[in-house]
PDB file of N, CA and C in Angstrom:
ATOM      1  N   UNK A   1       8.672  -6.251 -14.757  1.00  0.00           N
ATOM      2  CA  UNK A   1       9.334  -5.923 -16.067  1.00  0.00           C
ATOM      3  C   UNK A   1       9.103  -4.108 -15.847  1.00  0.00           C
ATOM      4  N   UNK A   2      10.358  -3.808 -16.601  1.00  0.00           N
ATOM      5  CA  UNK A   2      10.498  -2.158 -16.342  1.00  0.00           C
ATOM      6  C   UNK A   2      10.964  -1.517 -17.737  1.00  0.00           C
ATOM      7  N   UNK A   3      10.272  -0.362 -18.002  1.00  0.00           N
ATOM      8  CA  UNK A   3      10.628  -0.165 -19.338  1.00  0.00           C
ATOM      9  C   UNK A   3      10.987   1.580 -19.019  1.00  0.00           C
ATOM     10  N   UNK A   4      12.237   1.820 -19.505  1.00  0.00           N
ATOM     11  CA  UNK A   4      12.490   3.107 -19.768  1.00  0.00           C
ATOM     12  C   UNK A   4      12.340   3.978 -20.953  1.00  0.00           C
ATOM     13  N   UNK A   5      11.491   4.918 -20.844  1.00  0.00           N
ATOM     14  CA  UNK A   5      10.898   5.750 -21.860  1.00  0.00           C
ATOM     15  C   UNK A   5      11.588   6.810 -22.227  1.00  0.00           C
ATOM     16  N   UNK A   6      12.222   7.302 -23.599  1.00  0.00           N
ATOM     17  CA  UNK A   6      13.161   8.605 -23.684  1.00  0.00           C
ATOM     18  C   UNK A   6      12.053   9.735 -24.415  1.00  0.00           C
ATOM     19  N   UNK A   7      12.736  10.568 -24.724  1.00  0.00           N
ATOM     20  CA  UNK A   7      11.499  11.882 -24.819  1.00  0.00           C
ATOM     21  C   UNK A   7      11.010  11.685 -26.024  1.00  0.00           C
ATOM     22  N   UNK A   8      11.504  10.709 -26.874  1.00  0.00           N
ATOM     23  CA  UNK A   8      10.769  10.692 -28.119  1.00  0.00           C
ATOM     24  C   UNK A   8       9.708   9.639 -28.049  1.00  0.00           C
ATOM     25  N   UNK A   9       9.466   8.897 -27.019  1.00  0.00           N
ATOM     26  CA  UNK A   9       8.582   7.910 -27.026  1.00  0.00           C
ATOM     27  C   UNK A   9       9.194   6.354 -27.030  1.00  0.00           C
ATOM     28  N   UNK A  10      10.231   6.346 -27.422  1.00  0.00           N
ATOM     29  CA  UNK A  10      10.701   5.038 -27.811  1.00  0.00           C
ATOM     30  C   UNK A  10      11.226   4.348 -26.616  1.00  0.00           C
ATOM     31  N   UNK A  11      11.085   3.076 -27.012  1.00  0.00           N
ATOM     32  CA  UNK A  11      11.657   2.400 -25.689  1.00  0.00           C
ATOM     33  C   UNK A  11      13.086   2.188 -25.806  1.00  0.00           C
ATOM     34  N   UNK A  12      14.115   3.068 -24.700  1.00  0.00           N
ATOM     35  CA  UNK A  12      15.629   2.709 -24.632  1.00  0.00           C
ATOM     36  C   UNK A  12      15.970   1.560 -24.146  1.00  0.00           C
ATOM     37  N   UNK A  13      15.448   0.782 -23.185  1.00  0.00           N
ATOM     38  CA  UNK A  13      15.856  -0.391 -22.972  1.00  0.00           C
ATOM     39  C   UNK A  13      14.786  -1.066 -22.158  1.00  0.00           C
ATOM     40  N   UNK A  14      14.764  -2.513 -22.364  1.00  0.00           N
ATOM     41  CA  UNK A  14      13.554  -3.469 -21.647  1.00  0.00           C
ATOM     42  C   UNK A  14      14.666  -4.376 -20.469  1.00  0.00           C
ATOM     43  N   UNK A  15      14.765  -3.790 -19.325  1.00  0.00           N
ATOM     44  CA  UNK A  15      15.368  -4.821 -18.469  1.00  0.00           C
ATOM     45  C   UNK A  15      14.325  -6.244 -17.974  1.00  0.00           C
ATOM     46  N   UNK A  16      15.307  -7.537 -17.672  1.00  0.00           N
ATOM     47  CA  UNK A  16      14.827  -8.525 -17.350  1.00  0.00           C
ATOM     48  C   UNK A  16      14.163  -9.460 -18.519  1.00  0.00           C
ATOM     49  N   UNK A  17      14.561  -9.231 -19.821  1.00  0.00           N
ATOM     50  CA  UNK A  17      13.920  -9.810 -20.569  1.00  0.00           C
ATOM     51  C   UNK A  17      15.070 -10.589 -21.158  1.00  0.00           C
ATOM     52  N   UNK A  18      15.165 -11.483 -22.201  1.00  0.00           N
ATOM     53  CA  UNK A  18      16.069 -12.229 -22.673  1.00  0.00           C
ATOM     54  C   UNK A  18      16.534 -11.196 -23.883  1.00  0.00           C
ATOM     55  N   UNK A  19      17.685 -11.399 -24.128  1.00  0.00           N
ATOM     56  CA  UNK A  19      18.437 -10.392 -25.068  1.00  0.00           C
ATOM     57  C   UNK A  19      17.809 -10.723 -26.403  1.00  0.00           C
ATOM     58  N   UNK A  20      17.492 -11.588 -27.058  1.00  0.00           N
ATOM     59  CA  UNK A  20      17.060 -12.081 -28.271  1.00  0.00           C
ATOM     60  C   UNK A  20      15.674 -10.944 -28.525  1.00  0.00           C
ATOM     61  N   UNK A  21      14.854 -11.153 -26.882  1.00  0.00           N
ATOM     62  CA  UNK A  21      13.693 -10.317 -27.533  1.00  0.00           C
ATOM     63  C   UNK A  21      13.639  -8.689 -27.212  1.00  0.00           C
ATOM     64  N   UNK A  22      14.724  -8.305 -26.391  1.00  0.00           N
ATOM     65  CA  UNK A  22      15.177  -6.886 -26.412  1.00  0.00           C
ATOM     66  C   UNK A  22      15.434  -6.340 -27.432  1.00  0.00           C
ATOM     67  N   UNK A  23      16.158  -6.949 -28.676  1.00  0.00           N
ATOM     68  CA  UNK A  23      16.348  -6.541 -29.926  1.00  0.00           C
ATOM     69  C   UNK A  23      15.371  -6.103 -30.754  1.00  0.00           C
ATOM     70  N   UNK A  24      14.534  -7.490 -30.513  1.00  0.00           N
ATOM     71  CA  UNK A  24      13.113  -7.362 -31.505  1.00  0.00           C
ATOM     72  C   UNK A  24      12.210  -6.206 -30.944  1.00  0.00           C
ATOM     73  N   UNK A  25      12.052  -6.329 -29.831  1.00  0.00           N
ATOM     74  CA  UNK A  25      10.904  -5.437 -29.086  1.00  0.00           C
ATOM     75  C   UNK A  25      11.397  -3.949 -29.316  1.00  0.00           C
ATOM     76  N   UNK A  26      12.724  -3.444 -29.224  1.00  0.00           N
ATOM     77  CA  UNK A  26      13.428  -2.493 -29.339  1.00  0.00           C
ATOM     78  C   UNK A  26      12.923  -1.654 -30.573  1.00  0.00           C
ATOM     79  N   UNK A  27      13.034  -2.584 -31.950  1.00  0.00           N
ATOM     80  CA  UNK A  27      12.496  -2.121 -32.982  1.00  0.00           C
ATOM     81  C   UNK A  27      10.965  -2.129 -33.390  1.00  0.00           C
ATOM     82  N   UNK A  28      10.473  -2.238 -32.566  1.00  0.00           N
ATOM     83  CA  UNK A  28       9.073  -2.454 -32.802  1.00  0.00           C
ATOM     84  C   UNK A  28       8.364  -0.832 -32.358  1.00  0.00           C
ATOM     85  N   UNK A  29       7.106  -0.272 -32.916  1.00  0.00           N
ATOM     86  CA  UNK A  29       6.492   0.853 -32.480  1.00  0.00           C
ATOM     87  C   UNK A  29       5.652   0.390 -31.020  1.00  0.00           C
ATOM     88  N   UNK A  30       5.500   1.292 -30.220  1.00  0.00           N
ATOM     89  CA  UNK A  30       5.070   1.245 -29.017  1.00  0.00           C
ATOM     90  C   UNK A  30       3.828   0.430 -28.896  1.00  0.00           C
ATOM     91  N   UNK A  31       2.700   0.908 -29.340  1.00  0.00           N
ATOM     92  CA  UNK A  31       1.651   0.000 -29.567  1.00  0.00           C
ATOM     93  C   UNK A  31       1.683  -1.577 -29.660  1.00  0.00           C
ATOM     94  N   UNK A  32       2.266  -1.680 -31.048  1.00  0.00           N
ATOM     95  CA  UNK A  32       2.618  -3.106 -31.415  1.00  0.00           C
ATOM     96  C   UNK A  32       3.420  -3.963 -30.608  1.00  0.00           C
ATOM     97  N   UNK A  33       4.667  -3.039 -30.022  1.00  0.00           N
ATOM     98  CA  UNK A  33       5.159  -3.701 -28.806  1.00  0.00           C
ATOM     99  C   UNK A  33       4.586  -3.820 -27.741  1.00  0.00           C
ATOM    100  N   UNK A  34       3.615  -2.923 -27.130  1.00  0.00           N
ATOM    101  CA  UNK A  34       2.816  -3.438 -25.888  1.00  0.00           C
ATOM    102  C   UNK A  34       1.830  -4.801 -26.397  1.00  0.00           C
ATOM    103  N   UNK A  35       1.314  -4.833 -27.156  1.00  0.00           N
ATOM    104  CA  UNK A  35       0.400  -5.947 -27.828  1.00  0.00           C
ATOM    105  C   UNK A  35       1.349  -7.100 -27.694  1.00  0.00           C
ATOM    106  N   UNK A  36       2.677  -7.373 -28.352  1.00  0.00           N
ATOM    107  CA  UNK A  36       3.607  -8.184 -28.737  1.00  0.00           C
ATOM    108  C   UNK A  36       3.826  -8.900 -26.960  1.00  0.00           C
ATOM    109  N   UNK A  37       3.715  -7.607 -26.267  1.00  0.00           N
ATOM    110  CA  UNK A  37       4.644  -8.218 -24.772  1.00  0.00           C
ATOM    111  C   UNK A  37       3.184  -9.008 -23.967  1.00  0.00           C
ATOM    112  N   UNK A  38       2.392  -8.312 -24.404  1.00  0.00           N
ATOM    113  CA  UNK A  38       0.789  -8.872 -23.818  1.00  0.00           C
ATOM    114  C   UNK A  38       0.574 -10.083 -24.250  1.00  0.00           C
ATOM    115  N   UNK A  39       0.798 -10.338 -25.497  1.00  0.00           N
ATOM    116  CA  UNK A  39       0.508 -11.858 -25.935  1.00  0.00           C
ATOM    117  C   UNK A  39       1.594 -12.829 -25.232  1.00  0.00           C
ATOM    118  N   UNK A  40       2.975 -12.200 -25.320  1.00  0.00           N
ATOM    119  CA  UNK A  40       3.882 -12.997 -24.664  1.00  0.00           C
ATOM    120  C   UNK A  40       3.410 -13.529 -22.960  1.00  0.00           C
ATOM    121  N   UNK A  41       3.157 -12.489 -22.320  1.00  0.00           N
ATOM    122  CA  UNK A  41       3.218 -12.707 -21.097  1.00  0.00           C
ATOM    123  C   UNK A  41       1.836 -13.431 -20.685  1.00  0.00           C
ATOM    124  N   UNK A  42       0.578 -13.230 -21.731  1.00  0.00           N
ATOM    125  CA  UNK A  42      -0.152 -14.219 -21.618  1.00  0.00           C
ATOM    126  C   UNK A  42       0.293 -15.894 -21.914  1.00  0.00           C
ATOM    127  N   UNK A  43       0.980 -15.801 -22.907  1.00  0.00           N
ATOM    128  CA  UNK A  43       1.445 -17.209 -23.035  1.00  0.00           C
ATOM    129  C   UNK A  43       2.257 -17.937 -22.023  1.00  0.00           C
ATOM    130  N   UNK A  44       3.141 -16.927 -21.532  1.00  0.00           N
ATOM    131  CA  UNK A  44       3.774 -17.427 -20.129  1.00  0.00           C
ATOM    132  C   UNK A  44       2.590 -17.814 -19.197  1.00  0.00           C
ATOM    133  N   UNK A  45       1.705 -17.110 -18.855  1.00  0.00           N
ATOM    134  CA  UNK A  45       1.109 -17.326 -17.731  1.00  0.00           C
ATOM    135  C   UNK A  45      -0.009 -18.477 -18.470  1.00  0.00           C
ATOM    136  N   UNK A  46      -0.355 -18.861 -19.352  1.00  0.00           N
ATOM    137  CA  UNK A  46      -0.966 -20.087 -20.158  1.00  0.00           C
ATOM    138  C   UNK A  46      -0.312 -21.409 -19.502  1.00  0.00           C
ATOM    139  N   UNK A  47       0.871 -21.038 -20.057  1.00  0.00           N
ATOM    140  CA  UNK A  47       2.177 -22.193 -19.905  1.00  0.00           C
ATOM    141  C   UNK A  47       2.305 -22.274 -18.206  1.00  0.00           C
ATOM    142  N   UNK A  48       2.337 -21.748 -17.376  1.00  0.00           N
ATOM    143  CA  UNK A  48       2.596 -21.560 -15.775  1.00  0.00           C
ATOM    144  C   UNK A  48       1.161 -22.166 -15.215  1.00  0.00           C
ATOM    145  N   UNK A  49      -0.126 -21.785 -15.567  1.00  0.00           N
ATOM    146  CA  UNK A  49      -0.915 -22.081 -15.262  1.00  0.00           C
ATOM    147  C   UNK A  49      -1.609 -23.797 -15.603  1.00  0.00           C
ATOM    148  N   UNK A  50      -0.806 -24.196 -16.694  1.00  0.00           N
ATOM    149  CA  UNK A  50      -0.872 -25.783 -16.931  1.00  0.00           C
ATOM    150  C   UNK A  50       0.038 -26.437 -16.115  1.00  0.00           C
ATOM    151  N   UNK A  51       1.039 -25.603 -15.938  1.00  0.00           N
ATOM    152  CA  UNK A  51       1.836 -26.545 -14.818  1.00  0.00           C
ATOM    153  C   UNK A  51       1.437 -26.855 -13.279  1.00  0.00           C
ATOM    154  N   UNK A  52       0.384 -25.526 -13.140  1.00  0.00           N
ATOM    155  CA  UNK A  52       0.004 -25.447 -11.976  1.00  0.00           C
ATOM    156  C   UNK A  52      -1.003 -26.256 -11.798  1.00  0.00           C
ATOM    157  N   UNK A  53      -1.870 -26.571 -12.860  1.00  0.00           N
ATOM    158  CA  UNK A  53      -3.011 -27.259 -12.877  1.00  0.00           C
ATOM    159  C   UNK A  53      -2.363 -29.067 -13.093  1.00  0.00           C
ATOM    160  N   UNK A  54      -1.592 -29.178 -13.676  1.00  0.00           N
ATOM    161  CA  UNK A  54      -0.794 -30.340 -13.666  1.00  0.00           C
ATOM    162  C   UNK A  54      -0.599 -30.836 -12.594  1.00  0.00           C
ATOM    163  N   UNK A  55       0.625 -30.108 -11.604  1.00  0.00           N
ATOM    164  CA  UNK A  55       0.506 -30.381 -10.243  1.00  0.00           C
ATOM    165  C   UNK A  55      -0.112 -30.720  -9.376  1.00  0.00           C
ATOM    166  N   UNK A  56      -1.391 -29.554  -9.258  1.00  0.00           N
ATOM    167  CA  UNK A  56      -2.712 -29.955  -8.337  1.00  0.00           C
ATOM    168  C   UNK A  56      -3.326 -30.892  -8.859  1.00  0.00           C
ATOM    169  N   UNK A  57      -3.405 -31.762 -10.333  1.00  0.00           N
ATOM    170  CA  UNK A  57      -4.058 -32.877 -10.299  1.00  0.00           C
ATOM    171  C   UNK A  57      -2.993 -34.125  -9.845  1.00  0.00           C
ATOM    172  N   UNK A  58      -1.661 -33.632  -9.830  1.00  0.00           N
ATOM    173  CA  UNK A  58      -1.070 -34.848  -9.611  1.00  0.00           C
ATOM    174  C   UNK A  58      -0.917 -35.103  -7.981  1.00  0.00           C
ATOM    175  N   UNK A  59      -0.893 -34.179  -7.207  1.00  0.00           N
ATOM    176  CA  UNK A  59      -0.520 -33.940  -6.049  1.00  0.00           C
ATOM    177  C   UNK A  59      -2.161 -33.645  -5.168  1.00  0.00           C
ATOM    178  N   UNK A  60      -2.888 -33.166  -6.040  1.00  0.00           N
ATOM    179  CA  UNK A  60      -4.193 -32.758  -5.277  1.00  0.00           C
ATOM    180  C   UNK A  60      -4.836 -33.458  -4.104  1.00  0.00           C
ATOM    181  N   UNK A  61      -4.699 -34.800  -4.101  1.00  0.00           N
ATOM    182  CA  UNK A  61      -4.931 -35.710  -2.985  1.00  0.00           C
ATOM    183  C   UNK A  61      -4.151 -35.422  -1.698  1.00  0.00           C
ATOM    184  N   UNK A  62      -2.946 -35.693  -2.005  1.00  0.00           N
ATOM    185  CA  UNK A  62      -1.905 -35.041  -0.930  1.00  0.00           C
ATOM    186  C   UNK A  62      -2.212 -33.614  -0.503  1.00  0.00           C
ATOM    187  N   UNK A  63      -2.580 -32.812  -1.276  1.00  0.00           N
ATOM    188  CA  UNK A  63      -2.506 -31.420  -0.523  1.00  0.00           C
ATOM    189  C   UNK A  63      -3.867 -31.686  -0.088  1.00  0.00           C
ATOM    190  N   UNK A  64      -4.854 -32.044  -0.489  1.00  0.00           N
ATOM    191  CA  UNK A  64      -6.389 -31.908   0.459  1.00  0.00           C
ATOM    192  C   UNK A  64      -6.175 -32.690   1.685  1.00  0.00           C
ATOM    193  N   UNK A  65      -5.523 -33.888   1.818  1.00  0.00           N
ATOM    194  CA  UNK A  65      -5.157 -34.572   3.178  1.00  0.00           C
ATOM    195  C   UNK A  65      -4.540 -33.749   3.901  1.00  0.00           C
ATOM    196  N   UNK A  66      -3.440 -32.858   3.664  1.00  0.00           N
ATOM    197  CA  UNK A  66      -2.209 -32.019   4.363  1.00  0.00           C
ATOM    198  C   UNK A  66      -3.442 -30.823   4.866  1.00  0.00           C
ATOM    199  N   UNK A  67      -4.793 -30.343   3.999  1.00  0.00           N
ATOM    200  CA  UNK A  67      -5.275 -29.226   4.493  1.00  0.00           C
ATOM    201  C   UNK A  67      -6.324 -29.784   5.478  1.00  0.00           C
ATOM    202  N   UNK A  68      -6.581 -31.324   5.024  1.00  0.00           N
ATOM    203  CA  UNK A  68      -7.872 -31.880   6.300  1.00  0.00           C
ATOM    204  C   UNK A  68      -6.921 -31.864   7.700  1.00  0.00           C
ATOM    205  N   UNK A  69      -5.553 -32.369   7.603  1.00  0.00           N
ATOM    206  CA  UNK A  69      -4.998 -32.834   8.810  1.00  0.00           C
ATOM    207  C   UNK A  69      -4.718 -30.929   9.608  1.00  0.00           C
ATOM    208  N   UNK A  70      -4.088 -30.252   8.759  1.00  0.00           N
ATOM    209  CA  UNK A  70      -3.876 -28.943   9.412  1.00  0.00           C
ATOM    210  C   UNK A  70      -5.272 -28.641  10.150  1.00  0.00           C
ATOM    211  N   UNK A  71      -6.171 -28.426   9.451  1.00  0.00           N
ATOM    212  CA  UNK A  71      -7.528 -27.983   9.839  1.00  0.00           C
ATOM    213  C   UNK A  71      -7.971 -28.770  11.094  1.00  0.00           C
ATOM    214  N   UNK A  72      -7.855 -30.149  11.411  1.00  0.00           N
ATOM    215  CA  UNK A  72      -8.277 -31.126  12.381  1.00  0.00           C
ATOM    216  C   UNK A  72      -7.195 -30.795  13.468  1.00  0.00           C
ATOM    217  N   UNK A  73      -6.060 -30.127  13.434  1.00  0.00           N
ATOM    218  CA  UNK A  73      -5.109 -30.028  14.321  1.00  0.00           C
ATOM    219  C   UNK A  73      -5.341 -28.349  14.837  1.00  0.00           C
ATOM    220  N   UNK A  74      -5.789 -27.604  14.275  1.00  0.00           N
ATOM    221  CA  UNK A  74      -6.440 -26.590  14.857  1.00  0.00           C
ATOM    222  C   UNK A  74      -7.285 -26.452  15.399  1.00  0.00           C
ATOM    223  N   UNK A  75      -8.039 -27.373  14.851  1.00  0.00           N
ATOM    224  CA  UNK A  75      -9.670 -27.360  15.731  1.00  0.00           C
ATOM    225  C   UNK A  75      -9.354 -27.890  17.319  1.00  0.00           C
ATOM    226  N   UNK A  76      -8.507 -28.975  17.195  1.00  0.00           N
ATOM    227  CA  UNK A  76      -8.084 -29.883  18.255  1.00  0.00           C
ATOM    228  C   UNK A  76      -7.576 -28.602  19.394  1.00  0.00           C
ATOM    229  N   UNK A  77      -6.492 -27.836  18.937  1.00  0.00           N
ATOM    230  CA  UNK A  77      -5.989 -27.146  19.752  1.00  0.00           C
ATOM    231  C   UNK A  77      -6.934 -25.715  20.343  1.00  0.00           C
ATOM    232  N   UNK A  78      -7.976 -25.550  19.147  1.00  0.00           N
ATOM    233  CA  UNK A  78      -8.792 -24.201  19.702  1.00  0.00           C
ATOM    234  C   UNK A  78      -9.738 -24.927  21.086  1.00  0.00           C
ATOM    235  N   UNK A  79     -10.102 -26.086  20.952  1.00  0.00           N
ATOM    236  CA  UNK A  79     -11.164 -26.950  21.704  1.00  0.00           C
ATOM    237  C   UNK A  79     -10.133 -27.097  23.170  1.00  0.00           C
ATOM    238  N   UNK A  80      -8.869 -27.435  23.273  1.00  0.00           N
ATOM    239  CA  UNK A  80      -8.032 -27.675  24.046  1.00  0.00           C
ATOM    240  C   UNK A  80      -7.760 -25.979  24.861  1.00  0.00           C
ATOM    241  N   UNK A  81      -7.887 -25.104  24.093  1.00  0.00           N
ATOM    242  CA  UNK A  81      -7.483 -23.828  24.792  1.00  0.00           C
ATOM    243  C   UNK A  81      -8.763 -23.161  25.545  1.00  0.00           C
ATOM    244  N   UNK A  82      -9.849 -23.848  24.894  1.00  0.00           N
ATOM    245  CA  UNK A  82     -11.471 -23.279  25.888  1.00  0.00           C
ATOM    246  C   UNK A  82     -11.210 -24.162  26.889  1.00  0.00           C
ATOM    247  N   UNK A  83     -11.095 -25.569  26.740  1.00  0.00           N
ATOM    248  CA  UNK A  83     -11.390 -26.698  27.989  1.00  0.00           C
ATOM    249  C   UNK A  83     -10.277 -25.957  28.802  1.00  0.00           C
ATOM    250  N   UNK A  84      -9.269 -25.690  28.927  1.00  0.00           N
ATOM    251  CA  UNK A  84      -8.186 -25.144  29.687  1.00  0.00           C
ATOM    252  C   UNK A  84      -8.614 -23.797  30.295  1.00  0.00           C
ATOM    253  N   UNK A  85      -9.157 -22.653  29.623  1.00  0.00           N
ATOM    254  CA  UNK A  85      -9.572 -21.836  30.198  1.00  0.00           C
ATOM    255  C   UNK A  85     -11.339 -21.996  31.164  1.00  0.00           C
ATOM    256  N   UNK A  86     -11.929 -22.976  30.655  1.00  0.00           N
ATOM    257  CA  UNK A  86     -13.268 -23.487  31.695  1.00  0.00           C
ATOM    258  C   UNK A  86     -12.651 -23.714  32.782  1.00  0.00           C
ATOM    259  N   UNK A  87     -11.445 -24.767  32.981  1.00  0.00           N
ATOM    260  CA  UNK A  87     -11.162 -25.172  33.894  1.00  0.00           C
ATOM    261  C   UNK A  87     -10.514 -24.068  35.156  1.00  0.00           C
ATOM    262  N   UNK A  88     -10.235 -23.164  34.859  1.00  0.00           N
ATOM    263  CA  UNK A  88      -9.727 -21.818  35.808  1.00  0.00           C
ATOM    264  C   UNK A  88     -10.922 -21.630  36.764  1.00  0.00           C
ATOM    265  N   UNK A  89     -10.460 -21.247  37.885  1.00  0.00           N
ATOM    266  CA  UNK A  89     -11.630 -21.055  38.854  1.00  0.00           C
ATOM    267  C   UNK A  89     -12.168 -19.759  38.967  1.00  0.00           C
ATOM    268  N   UNK A  90     -11.302 -18.815  38.360  1.00  0.00           N
ATOM    269  CA  UNK A  90     -12.101 -17.599  38.229  1.00  0.00           C
ATOM    270  C   UNK A  90     -13.409 -17.610  36.961  1.00  0.00           C
ATOM    271  N   UNK A  91     -12.837 -18.417  36.220  1.00  0.00           N
ATOM    272  CA  UNK A  91     -14.055 -18.705  35.430  1.00  0.00           C
ATOM    273  C   UNK A  91     -15.431 -19.468  35.833  1.00  0.00           C
ATOM    274  N   UNK A  92     -15.238 -20.214  36.628  1.00  0.00           N
ATOM    275  CA  UNK A  92     -16.159 -20.890  37.248  1.00  0.00           C
ATOM    276  C   UNK A  92     -17.088 -19.954  38.110  1.00  0.00           C
ATOM    277  N   UNK A  93     -16.296 -18.948  38.850  1.00  0.00           N
ATOM    278  CA  UNK A  93     -16.774 -18.134  39.784  1.00  0.00           C
ATOM    279  C   UNK A  93     -17.426 -16.851  39.385  1.00  0.00           C
ATOM    280  N   UNK A  94     -17.157 -16.241  38.191  1.00  0.00           N
ATOM    281  CA  UNK A  94     -17.163 -14.938  37.811  1.00  0.00           C
ATOM    282  C   UNK A  94     -18.310 -15.485  36.408  1.00  0.00           C
ATOM    283  N   UNK A  95     -19.729 -14.807  36.292  1.00  0.00           N
ATOM    284  CA  UNK A  95     -20.604 -14.945  35.451  1.00  0.00           C
ATOM    285  C   UNK A  95     -20.215 -14.211  34.485  1.00  0.00           C
ATOM    286  N   UNK A  96     -19.634 -12.649  34.480  1.00  0.00           N
ATOM    287  CA  UNK A  96     -19.405 -12.206  33.289  1.00  0.00           C
ATOM    288  C   UNK A  96     -18.061 -12.876  32.459  1.00  0.00           C
ATOM    289  N   UNK A  97     -17.163 -13.198  33.242  1.00  0.00           N
ATOM    290  CA  UNK A  97     -15.983 -13.655  32.175  1.00  0.00           C
ATOM    291  C   UNK A  97     -16.604 -15.106  31.638  1.00  0.00           C
ATOM    292  N   UNK A  98     -17.520 -15.920  32.279  1.00  0.00           N
ATOM    293  CA  UNK A  98     -18.217 -17.233  31.667  1.00  0.00           C
ATOM    294  C   UNK A  98     -18.837 -16.698  30.511  1.00  0.00           C
ATOM    295  N   UNK A  99     -19.631 -15.584  30.327  1.00  0.00           N
ATOM    296  CA  UNK A  99     -20.383 -15.439  29.582  1.00  0.00           C
ATOM    297  C   UNK A  99     -19.579 -14.533  28.354  1.00  0.00           C
ATOM    298  N   UNK A 100     -18.569 -14.047  28.801  1.00  0.00           N
ATOM    299  CA  UNK A 100     -17.518 -13.332  27.716  1.00  0.00           C
ATOM    300  C   UNK A 100     -16.603 -14.562  26.924  1.00  0.00           C
ATOM    301  N   UNK A 101     -16.364 -15.668  27.629  1.00  0.00           N
ATOM    302  CA  UNK A 101     -15.448 -16.448  27.022  1.00  0.00           C
ATOM    303  C   UNK A 101     -16.533 -17.531  26.299  1.00  0.00           C
ATOM    304  N   UNK A 102     -17.642 -17.935  26.832  1.00  0.00           N
ATOM    305  CA  UNK A 102     -18.470 -18.672  25.831  1.00  0.00           C
ATOM    306  C   UNK A 102     -18.844 -18.047  24.641  1.00  0.00           C
ATOM    307  N   UNK A 103     -18.981 -16.603  24.592  1.00  0.00           N
ATOM    308  CA  UNK A 103     -19.593 -15.496  23.305  1.00  0.00           C
ATOM    309  C   UNK A 103     -18.191 -15.793  22.215  1.00  0.00           C
ATOM    310  N   UNK A 104     -16.970 -15.767  22.639  1.00  0.00           N
ATOM    311  CA  UNK A 104     -15.600 -16.118  22.185  1.00  0.00           C
ATOM    312  C   UNK A 104     -15.720 -17.312  21.560  1.00  0.00           C
ATOM    313  N   UNK A 105     -15.808 -18.173  22.135  1.00  0.00           N
ATOM    314  CA  UNK A 105     -15.994 -19.513  21.916  1.00  0.00           C
ATOM    315  C   UNK A 105     -17.021 -20.218  20.984  1.00  0.00           C
ATOM    316  N   UNK A 106     -18.015 -19.792  20.998  1.00  0.00           N
ATOM    317  CA  UNK A 106     -18.931 -19.908  19.909  1.00  0.00           C
ATOM    318  C   UNK A 106     -18.559 -19.341  18.464  1.00  0.00           C
ATOM    319  N   UNK A 107     -18.198 -17.767  18.875  1.00  0.00           N
ATOM    320  CA  UNK A 107     -17.569 -17.288  17.532  1.00  0.00           C
ATOM    321  C   UNK A 107     -16.328 -17.964  17.048  1.00  0.00           C
ATOM    322  N   UNK A 108     -15.608 -18.421  17.943  1.00  0.00           N
ATOM    323  CA  UNK A 108     -14.402 -19.418  17.221  1.00  0.00           C
ATOM    324  C   UNK A 108     -14.819 -20.305  16.536  1.00  0.00           C
ATOM    325  N   UNK A 109     -15.405 -21.133  17.049  1.00  0.00           N
ATOM    326  CA  UNK A 109     -15.943 -22.785  16.761  1.00  0.00           C
ATOM    327  C   UNK A 109     -16.995 -22.085  15.148  1.00  0.00           C
ATOM    328  N   UNK A 110     -17.811 -21.547  15.397  1.00  0.00           N
ATOM    329  CA  UNK A 110     -18.526 -21.137  14.274  1.00  0.00           C
ATOM    330  C   UNK A 110     -17.413 -20.602  13.082  1.00  0.00           C
ATOM    331  N   UNK A 111     -16.486 -20.131  13.349  1.00  0.00           N
ATOM    332  CA  UNK A 111     -15.726 -19.248  12.127  1.00  0.00           C
ATOM    333  C   UNK A 111     -14.862 -20.920  11.591  1.00  0.00           C
ATOM    334  N   UNK A 112     -14.542 -21.602  12.583  1.00  0.00           N
ATOM    335  CA  UNK A 112     -13.646 -22.680  12.400  1.00  0.00           C
ATOM    336  C   UNK A 112     -14.629 -23.999  11.747  1.00  0.00           C
ATOM    337  N   UNK A 113     -15.801 -23.547  12.039  1.00  0.00           N
ATOM    338  CA  UNK A 113     -16.610 -24.839  11.612  1.00  0.00           C
ATOM    339  C   UNK A 113     -16.596 -26.262  12.442  1.00  0.00           C
ATOM    340  N   UNK A 114     -16.360 -25.593  13.956  1.00  0.00           N
ATOM    341  CA  UNK A 114     -16.105 -27.111  14.892  1.00  0.00           C
ATOM    342  C   UNK A 114     -17.497 -27.150  15.249  1.00  0.00           C
ATOM    343  N   UNK A 115     -17.627 -28.234  15.654  1.00  0.00           N
ATOM    344  CA  UNK A 115     -19.093 -28.729  15.977  1.00  0.00           C
ATOM    345  C   UNK A 115     -18.774 -28.398  17.885  1.00  0.00           C
ATOM    346  N   UNK A 116     -19.570 -28.228  18.585  1.00  0.00           N
ATOM    347  CA  UNK A 116     -19.660 -28.122  19.917  1.00  0.00           C
ATOM    348  C   UNK A 116     -20.334 -27.209  20.412  1.00  0.00           C
TER     349      UNK A 116
END
């Protein structure tokens, strides 16, 4: 929401608001106007939060399942990447490469909660 303030401190115009609110708010003094705007925004946020809560309650099981599936897929990909790296000849021949890859693997597994 953008407010345009003129030199006497009164609100000249309020953009992005319903026209019926525009007339009402422009007639208010600044302090009362701000309090009214805050109350109306809070009411809108409360309404939006109720909608979000209802959607989560309605679709929460599906969301949880999708998150679990995505996590499992990510973990399989990470495991597969490290399996492929460990199959390279230079991985097997060079101990310092092996140590670096193992450190990276441990960190990735720990951050992703992968057992192994």
